[in-house]
Amino acid sequence: LDEYVKVSNPGIWMLLSAIIILLIGGCVWAVFGHLDTNIGVAARCESGTLNCYVKESDFSKIKIKQKININGEEFIINHISQTPIMVDDSFSDYTLHVGNLKKGEWVYVATTDSELADGTYYATITVESVTPMSFVFN
């Protein structure tokens, strides 16, 4: 009982509290955050209709009601063509560049309504969204 009791210095308590705050923040993100899997596509807007050109290899991943994101604006896929179209001379060079497309390649068209100005855009389609916590429990 007569031995000296050593009190921790404030630096240790600050380090411990910082670690606890990081752990709490990580747990909150794991429960309420989400990780998205996106595919990049070329999108062409004409007269209020937005057409997204999806490569054959990505066609099986897209579904109606998935989100399309263009410059922070979100749109929902209304229709997906059941037959592909061939990339030909009607596609501008810029559309080919944005979508990483080649002439003669086959693409499917995902369509939605939009209020964007007519033109070609780079778009991302969110094909999957999961919470980080699902990785812990699966």
Foldseek 3Di string as FASTA:
>chain_A
DPDDDDDDDVVVVVVVVVVVVVVVVVVVQLVPNKDWDKDKFKWFDDPQKIKTWAAPVCVVLDDFQWWKDFPNDIWTFHDKDPFWDFAAPVDDPVNCVLGVHDGRGTTIITMTGDPDDGDMTMMMTTRDMDRNVVVVVD
